[in-house]
């Protein structure tokens, strides 16, 4: 019980820590945040453009099938 009380009292009177994060850590943090942001945007674009890509492929397949039937009928 005494240890717990002393630990709690010590935690109450702790002064602020003066810590320094060097520029290398900051650049690494910014680089990883940039990678997450770019990845997130690319995923959103892929999801948004999927129906357009699907419809274009379908139209191309129809055109190719129409061309094959027209050329085989000659």
PDB file of N, CA and C in Angstrom:
ATOM      1  N   UNK A   1       0.825  -1.191   0.000  1.00  0.00           N
ATOM      2  CA  UNK A   1       0.000   0.000   0.000  1.00  0.00           C
ATOM      3  C   UNK A   1       0.868   1.253   0.000  1.00  0.00           C
ATOM      4  N   UNK A   2       1.965   1.193   0.734  1.00  0.00           N
ATOM      5  CA  UNK A   2       2.862   2.337   0.808  1.00  0.00           C
ATOM      6  C   UNK A   2       3.499   2.614  -0.544  1.00  0.00           C
ATOM      7  N   UNK A   3       3.876   1.544  -1.252  1.00  0.00           N
ATOM      8  CA  UNK A   3       4.467   1.722  -2.583  1.00  0.00           C
ATOM      9  C   UNK A   3       3.491   2.392  -3.533  1.00  0.00           C
ATOM     10  N   UNK A   4       2.257   1.965  -3.501  1.00  0.00           N
ATOM     11  CA  UNK A   4       1.248   2.536  -4.390  1.00  0.00           C
ATOM     12  C   UNK A   4       1.035   4.004  -4.080  1.00  0.00           C
ATOM     13  N   UNK A   5       0.974   4.358  -2.825  1.00  0.00           N
ATOM     14  CA  UNK A   5       0.785   5.747  -2.416  1.00  0.00           C
ATOM     15  C   UNK A   5       1.973   6.592  -2.847  1.00  0.00           C
ATOM     16  N   UNK A   6       3.181   6.091  -2.635  1.00  0.00           N
ATOM     17  CA  UNK A   6       4.368   6.838  -3.043  1.00  0.00           C
ATOM     18  C   UNK A   6       4.426   7.001  -4.563  1.00  0.00           C
ATOM     19  N   UNK A   7       4.041   5.968  -5.292  1.00  0.00           N
ATOM     20  CA  UNK A   7       4.051   6.050  -6.753  1.00  0.00           C
ATOM     21  C   UNK A   7       3.044   7.093  -7.233  1.00  0.00           C
ATOM     22  N   UNK A   8       1.868   7.091  -6.651  1.00  0.00           N
ATOM     23  CA  UNK A   8       0.852   8.067  -7.047  1.00  0.00           C
ATOM     24  C   UNK A   8       1.278   9.488  -6.694  1.00  0.00           C
ATOM     25  N   UNK A   9       1.880   9.675  -5.541  1.00  0.00           N
ATOM     26  CA  UNK A   9       2.371  11.003  -5.160  1.00  0.00           C
ATOM     27  C   UNK A   9       3.492  11.461  -6.087  1.00  0.00           C
ATOM     28  N   UNK A  10       4.353  10.540  -6.453  1.00  0.00           N
ATOM     29  CA  UNK A  10       5.441  10.878  -7.377  1.00  0.00           C
ATOM     30  C   UNK A  10       4.879  11.290  -8.729  1.00  0.00           C
ATOM     31  N   UNK A  11       3.841  10.599  -9.177  1.00  0.00           N
ATOM     32  CA  UNK A  11       3.246  10.934 -10.469  1.00  0.00           C
ATOM     33  C   UNK A  11       2.539  12.282 -10.440  1.00  0.00           C
ATOM     34  N   UNK A  12       2.059  12.704  -9.292  1.00  0.00           N
ATOM     35  CA  UNK A  12       1.386  13.996  -9.182  1.00  0.00           C
ATOM     36  C   UNK A  12       2.359  15.165  -9.300  1.00  0.00           C
ATOM     37  N   UNK A  13       3.589  14.968  -8.882  1.00  0.00           N
ATOM     38  CA  UNK A  13       4.550  16.067  -8.836  1.00  0.00           C
ATOM     39  C   UNK A  13       5.616  15.989  -9.920  1.00  0.00           C
ATOM     40  N   UNK A  14       5.333  15.259 -10.979  1.00  0.00           N
ATOM     41  CA  UNK A  14       6.299  15.135 -12.064  1.00  0.00           C
ATOM     42  C   UNK A  14       6.265  16.413 -12.890  1.00  0.00           C
ATOM     43  N   UNK A  15       7.441  16.941 -13.190  1.00  0.00           N
ATOM     44  CA  UNK A  15       7.499  18.133 -14.037  1.00  0.00           C
ATOM     45  C   UNK A  15       7.444  17.702 -15.501  1.00  0.00           C
ATOM     46  N   UNK A  16       7.262  18.674 -16.371  1.00  0.00           N
ATOM     47  CA  UNK A  16       7.173  18.364 -17.800  1.00  0.00           C
ATOM     48  C   UNK A  16       8.522  17.890 -18.319  1.00  0.00           C
ATOM     49  N   UNK A  17       8.466  16.971 -19.229  1.00  0.00           N
ATOM     50  CA  UNK A  17       9.685  16.443 -19.833  1.00  0.00           C
ATOM     51  C   UNK A  17      10.026  17.298 -21.049  1.00  0.00           C
ATOM     52  N   UNK A  18      11.275  17.642 -21.154  1.00  0.00           N
ATOM     53  CA  UNK A  18      11.721  18.401 -22.314  1.00  0.00           C
ATOM     54  C   UNK A  18      12.410  17.434 -23.252  1.00  0.00           C
ATOM     55  N   UNK A  19      11.663  16.974 -24.232  1.00  0.00           N
ATOM     56  CA  UNK A  19      12.175  15.981 -25.162  1.00  0.00           C
ATOM     57  C   UNK A  19      12.408  16.641 -26.510  1.00  0.00           C
ATOM     58  N   UNK A  20      13.366  16.122 -27.232  1.00  0.00           N
ATOM     59  CA  UNK A  20      13.688  16.643 -28.550  1.00  0.00           C
ATOM     60  C   UNK A  20      13.551  15.522 -29.562  1.00  0.00           C
ATOM     61  N   UNK A  21      12.789  15.783 -30.591  1.00  0.00           N
ATOM     62  CA  UNK A  21      12.689  14.830 -31.692  1.00  0.00           C
ATOM     63  C   UNK A  21      13.479  15.427 -32.840  1.00  0.00           C
ATOM     64  N   UNK A  22      14.480  14.729 -33.275  1.00  0.00           N
ATOM     65  CA  UNK A  22      15.359  15.238 -34.322  1.00  0.00           C
ATOM     66  C   UNK A  22      14.667  15.335 -35.673  1.00  0.00           C
ATOM     67  N   UNK A  23      15.316  16.006 -36.602  1.00  0.00           N
ATOM     68  CA  UNK A  23      14.714  16.196 -37.923  1.00  0.00           C
ATOM     69  C   UNK A  23      14.549  14.891 -38.702  1.00  0.00           C
ATOM     70  N   UNK A  24      15.389  13.913 -38.439  1.00  0.00           N
ATOM     71  CA  UNK A  24      15.262  12.644 -39.139  1.00  0.00           C
ATOM     72  C   UNK A  24      13.955  11.945 -38.805  1.00  0.00           C
ATOM     73  N   UNK A  25      13.551  12.015 -37.552  1.00  0.00           N
ATOM     74  CA  UNK A  25      12.290  11.394 -37.156  1.00  0.00           C
ATOM     75  C   UNK A  25      11.113  12.123 -37.779  1.00  0.00           C
ATOM     76  N   UNK A  26      11.184  13.438 -37.830  1.00  0.00           N
ATOM     77  CA  UNK A  26      10.109  14.222 -38.431  1.00  0.00           C
ATOM     78  C   UNK A  26       9.960  13.942 -39.916  1.00  0.00           C
ATOM     79  N   UNK A  27      11.088  13.818 -40.605  1.00  0.00           N
ATOM     80  CA  UNK A  27      11.045  13.529 -42.040  1.00  0.00           C
ATOM     81  C   UNK A  27      10.490  12.129 -42.274  1.00  0.00           C
ATOM     82  N   UNK A  28      10.876  11.192 -41.429  1.00  0.00           N
ATOM     83  CA  UNK A  28      10.324   9.840 -41.542  1.00  0.00           C
ATOM     84  C   UNK A  28       8.828   9.819 -41.301  1.00  0.00           C
ATOM     85  N   UNK A  29       8.381  10.581 -40.315  1.00  0.00           N
ATOM     86  CA  UNK A  29       6.950  10.663 -40.038  1.00  0.00           C
ATOM     87  C   UNK A  29       6.205  11.279 -41.214  1.00  0.00           C
ATOM     88  N   UNK A  30       6.722  12.361 -41.765  1.00  0.00           N
ATOM     89  CA  UNK A  30       6.075  12.994 -42.913  1.00  0.00           C
ATOM     90  C   UNK A  30       6.062  12.073 -44.130  1.00  0.00           C
ATOM     91  N   UNK A  31       7.153  11.342 -44.325  1.00  0.00           N
ATOM     92  CA  UNK A  31       7.206  10.415 -45.449  1.00  0.00           C
ATOM     93  C   UNK A  31       6.177   9.304 -45.324  1.00  0.00           C
ATOM     94  N   UNK A  32       6.019   8.772 -44.128  1.00  0.00           N
ATOM     95  CA  UNK A  32       5.028   7.708 -43.950  1.00  0.00           C
ATOM     96  C   UNK A  32       3.614   8.252 -44.054  1.00  0.00           C
ATOM     97  N   UNK A  33       3.368   9.445 -43.558  1.00  0.00           N
ATOM     98  CA  UNK A  33       2.042  10.051 -43.715  1.00  0.00           C
ATOM     99  C   UNK A  33       1.736  10.309 -45.183  1.00  0.00           C
ATOM    100  N   UNK A  34       2.723  10.746 -45.930  1.00  0.00           N
ATOM    101  CA  UNK A  34       2.541  10.984 -47.362  1.00  0.00           C
ATOM    102  C   UNK A  34       2.216   9.674 -48.081  1.00  0.00           C
ATOM    103  N   UNK A  35       2.899   8.612 -47.723  1.00  0.00           N
ATOM    104  CA  UNK A  35       2.637   7.314 -48.347  1.00  0.00           C
ATOM    105  C   UNK A  35       1.219   6.841 -48.035  1.00  0.00           C
ATOM    106  N   UNK A  36       0.769   7.011 -46.800  1.00  0.00           N
ATOM    107  CA  UNK A  36      -0.598   6.632 -46.438  1.00  0.00           C
ATOM    108  C   UNK A  36      -1.612   7.459 -47.220  1.00  0.00           C
ATOM    109  N   UNK A  37      -1.375   8.754 -47.331  1.00  0.00           N
ATOM    110  CA  UNK A  37      -2.304   9.630 -48.043  1.00  0.00           C
ATOM    111  C   UNK A  37      -2.387   9.267 -49.516  1.00  0.00           C
ATOM    112  N   UNK A  38      -1.254   9.068 -50.150  1.00  0.00           N
ATOM    113  CA  UNK A  38      -1.236   8.706 -51.576  1.00  0.00           C
ATOM    114  C   UNK A  38      -1.911   7.354 -51.780  1.00  0.00           C
ATOM    115  N   UNK A  39      -1.627   6.412 -50.910  1.00  0.00           N
ATOM    116  CA  UNK A  39      -2.264   5.102 -51.012  1.00  0.00           C
ATOM    117  C   UNK A  39      -3.775   5.184 -50.863  1.00  0.00           C
ATOM    118  N   UNK A  40      -4.240   5.980 -49.923  1.00  0.00           N
ATOM    119  CA  UNK A  40      -5.674   6.149 -49.700  1.00  0.00           C
ATOM    120  C   UNK A  40      -6.344   6.784 -50.915  1.00  0.00           C
ATOM    121  N   UNK A  41      -5.720   7.805 -51.486  1.00  0.00           N
ATOM    122  CA  UNK A  41      -6.281   8.464 -52.670  1.00  0.00           C
ATOM    123  C   UNK A  41      -6.307   7.507 -53.860  1.00  0.00           C
ATOM    124  N   UNK A  42      -5.260   6.724 -54.041  1.00  0.00           N
ATOM    125  CA  UNK A  42      -5.234   5.765 -55.146  1.00  0.00           C
ATOM    126  C   UNK A  42      -6.301   4.690 -54.999  1.00  0.00           C
ATOM    127  N   UNK A  43      -6.528   4.244 -53.792  1.00  0.00           N
ATOM    128  CA  UNK A  43      -7.587   3.256 -53.566  1.00  0.00           C
ATOM    129  C   UNK A  43      -8.947   3.859 -53.882  1.00  0.00           C
ATOM    130  N   UNK A  44      -9.185   5.093 -53.440  1.00  0.00           N
ATOM    131  CA  UNK A  44     -10.459   5.745 -53.740  1.00  0.00           C
ATOM    132  C   UNK A  44     -10.655   5.927 -55.239  1.00  0.00           C
ATOM    133  N   UNK A  45      -9.606   6.342 -55.932  1.00  0.00           N
ATOM    134  CA  UNK A  45      -9.712   6.501 -57.384  1.00  0.00           C
ATOM    135  C   UNK A  45      -9.986   5.181 -58.076  1.00  0.00           C
ATOM    136  N   UNK A  46      -9.343   4.131 -57.633  1.00  0.00           N
ATOM    137  CA  UNK A  46      -9.564   2.816 -58.238  1.00  0.00           C
ATOM    138  C   UNK A  46     -11.007   2.373 -58.033  1.00  0.00           C
ATOM    139  N   UNK A  47     -11.539   2.605 -56.859  1.00  0.00           N
ATOM    140  CA  UNK A  47     -12.932   2.226 -56.587  1.00  0.00           C
ATOM    141  C   UNK A  47     -13.890   3.071 -57.416  1.00  0.00           C
ATOM    142  N   UNK A  48     -13.608   4.356 -57.538  1.00  0.00           N
ATOM    143  CA  UNK A  48     -14.500   5.241 -58.287  1.00  0.00           C
ATOM    144  C   UNK A  48     -14.432   4.985 -59.785  1.00  0.00           C
ATOM    145  N   UNK A  49     -13.272   4.601 -60.304  1.00  0.00           N
ATOM    146  CA  UNK A  49     -13.124   4.397 -61.740  1.00  0.00           C
ATOM    147  C   UNK A  49     -13.461   2.981 -62.190  1.00  0.00           C
ATOM    148  N   UNK A  50     -13.703   2.065 -61.265  1.00  0.00           N
ATOM    149  CA  UNK A  50     -13.977   0.690 -61.641  1.00  0.00           C
ATOM    150  C   UNK A  50     -15.204   0.553 -62.543  1.00  0.00           C
ATOM    151  N   UNK A  51     -16.334   1.194 -62.249  1.00  0.00           N
ATOM    152  CA  UNK A  51     -17.487   1.053 -63.151  1.00  0.00           C
ATOM    153  C   UNK A  51     -17.208   1.590 -64.550  1.00  0.00           C
ATOM    154  N   UNK A  52     -16.449   2.656 -64.662  1.00  0.00           N
ATOM    155  CA  UNK A  52     -16.102   3.213 -65.972  1.00  0.00           C
ATOM    156  C   UNK A  52     -15.234   2.234 -66.753  1.00  0.00           C
ATOM    157  N   UNK A  53     -14.250   1.660 -66.115  1.00  0.00           N
ATOM    158  CA  UNK A  53     -13.384   0.681 -66.787  1.00  0.00           C
ATOM    159  C   UNK A  53     -14.179  -0.543 -67.212  1.00  0.00           C
ATOM    160  N   UNK A  54     -15.089  -0.986 -66.369  1.00  0.00           N
ATOM    161  CA  UNK A  54     -15.905  -2.155 -66.680  1.00  0.00           C
ATOM    162  C   UNK A  54     -16.789  -1.881 -67.897  1.00  0.00           C
ATOM    163  N   UNK A  55     -17.418  -0.700 -67.938  1.00  0.00           N
ATOM    164  CA  UNK A  55     -18.297  -0.388 -69.070  1.00  0.00           C
ATOM    165  C   UNK A  55     -17.494  -0.211 -70.357  1.00  0.00           C
ATOM    166  N   UNK A  56     -16.312   0.364 -70.291  1.00  0.00           N
ATOM    167  CA  UNK A  56     -15.483   0.505 -71.498  1.00  0.00           C
ATOM    168  C   UNK A  56     -15.063  -0.864 -72.033  1.00  0.00           C
ATOM    169  N   UNK A  57     -14.702  -1.773 -71.167  1.00  0.00           N
ATOM    170  CA  UNK A  57     -14.338  -3.119 -71.608  1.00  0.00           C
ATOM    171  C   UNK A  57     -15.529  -3.821 -72.253  1.00  0.00           C
ATOM    172  N   UNK A  58     -16.682  -3.615 -71.686  1.00  0.00           N
ATOM    173  CA  UNK A  58     -17.886  -4.242 -72.233  1.00  0.00           C
ATOM    174  C   UNK A  58     -18.210  -3.675 -73.616  1.00  0.00           C
ATOM    175  N   UNK A  59     -18.083  -2.347 -73.774  1.00  0.00           N
ATOM    176  CA  UNK A  59     -18.328  -1.732 -75.085  1.00  0.00           C
ATOM    177  C   UNK A  59     -17.322  -2.226 -76.124  1.00  0.00           C
ATOM    178  N   UNK A  60     -16.068  -2.341 -75.732  1.00  0.00           N
ATOM    179  CA  UNK A  60     -15.050  -2.843 -76.665  1.00  0.00           C
ATOM    180  C   UNK A  60     -15.353  -4.277 -77.091  1.00  0.00           C
ATOM    181  N   UNK A  61     -15.791  -5.086 -76.156  1.00  0.00           N
ATOM    182  CA  UNK A  61     -16.115  -6.473 -76.471  1.00  0.00           C
ATOM    183  C   UNK A  61     -17.299  -6.537 -77.441  1.00  0.00           C
ATOM    184  N   UNK A  62     -18.290  -5.682 -77.234  1.00  0.00           N
ATOM    185  CA  UNK A  62     -19.441  -5.654 -78.145  1.00  0.00           C
ATOM    186  C   UNK A  62     -19.026  -5.208 -79.545  1.00  0.00           C
ATOM    187  N   UNK A  63     -18.189  -4.167 -79.598  1.00  0.00           N
ATOM    188  CA  UNK A  63     -17.727  -3.683 -80.907  1.00  0.00           C
ATOM    189  C   UNK A  63     -16.913  -4.758 -81.629  1.00  0.00           C
ATOM    190  N   UNK A  64     -16.056  -5.426 -80.887  1.00  0.00           N
ATOM    191  CA  UNK A  64     -15.234  -6.471 -81.490  1.00  0.00           C
ATOM    192  C   UNK A  64     -16.108  -7.624 -81.978  1.00  0.00           C
ATOM    193  N   UNK A  65     -17.130  -7.987 -81.215  1.00  0.00           N
ATOM    194  CA  UNK A  65     -18.028  -9.057 -81.625  1.00  0.00           C
ATOM    195  C   UNK A  65     -18.820  -8.635 -82.866  1.00  0.00           C
ATOM    196  N   UNK A  66     -19.237  -7.361 -82.913  1.00  0.00           N
ATOM    197  CA  UNK A  66     -19.980  -6.872 -84.067  1.00  0.00           C
ATOM    198  C   UNK A  66     -19.086  -6.858 -85.302  1.00  0.00           C
ATOM    199  N   UNK A  67     -17.834  -6.462 -85.151  1.00  0.00           N
ATOM    200  CA  UNK A  67     -16.899  -6.450 -86.277  1.00  0.00           C
ATOM    201  C   UNK A  67     -16.606  -7.861 -86.780  1.00  0.00           C
ATOM    202  N   UNK A  68     -16.497  -8.811 -85.865  1.00  0.00           N
ATOM    203  CA  UNK A  68     -16.220 -10.187 -86.272  1.00  0.00           C
ATOM    204  C   UNK A  68     -17.398 -10.793 -87.018  1.00  0.00           C
ATOM    205  N   UNK A  69     -18.608 -10.492 -86.566  1.00  0.00           N
ATOM    206  CA  UNK A  69     -19.774 -11.036 -87.271  1.00  0.00           C
ATOM    207  C   UNK A  69     -19.955 -10.375 -88.624  1.00  0.00           C
ATOM    208  N   UNK A  70     -19.636  -9.076 -88.714  1.00  0.00           N
ATOM    209  CA  UNK A  70     -19.767  -8.372 -89.999  1.00  0.00           C
ATOM    210  C   UNK A  70     -18.700  -8.858 -90.987  1.00  0.00           C
ATOM    211  N   UNK A  71     -17.507  -9.123 -90.517  1.00  0.00           N
ATOM    212  CA  UNK A  71     -16.448  -9.573 -91.428  1.00  0.00           C
ATOM    213  C   UNK A  71     -16.609 -11.056 -91.808  1.00  0.00           C
ATOM    214  N   UNK A  72     -17.186 -11.851 -90.950  1.00  0.00           N
ATOM    215  CA  UNK A  72     -17.375 -13.266 -91.286  1.00  0.00           C
ATOM    216  C   UNK A  72     -18.570 -13.467 -92.213  1.00  0.00           C
ATOM    217  N   UNK A  73     -19.480 -12.492 -92.264  1.00  0.00           N
ATOM    218  CA  UNK A  73     -20.627 -12.595 -93.135  1.00  0.00           C
ATOM    219  C   UNK A  73     -20.322 -12.268 -94.579  1.00  0.00           C
ATOM    220  N   UNK A  74     -19.150 -11.724 -94.857  1.00  0.00           N
ATOM    221  CA  UNK A  74     -18.791 -11.342 -96.227  1.00  0.00           C
ATOM    222  C   UNK A  74     -18.443 -12.499 -97.079  1.00  0.00           C
TER     223      UNK A  74
END
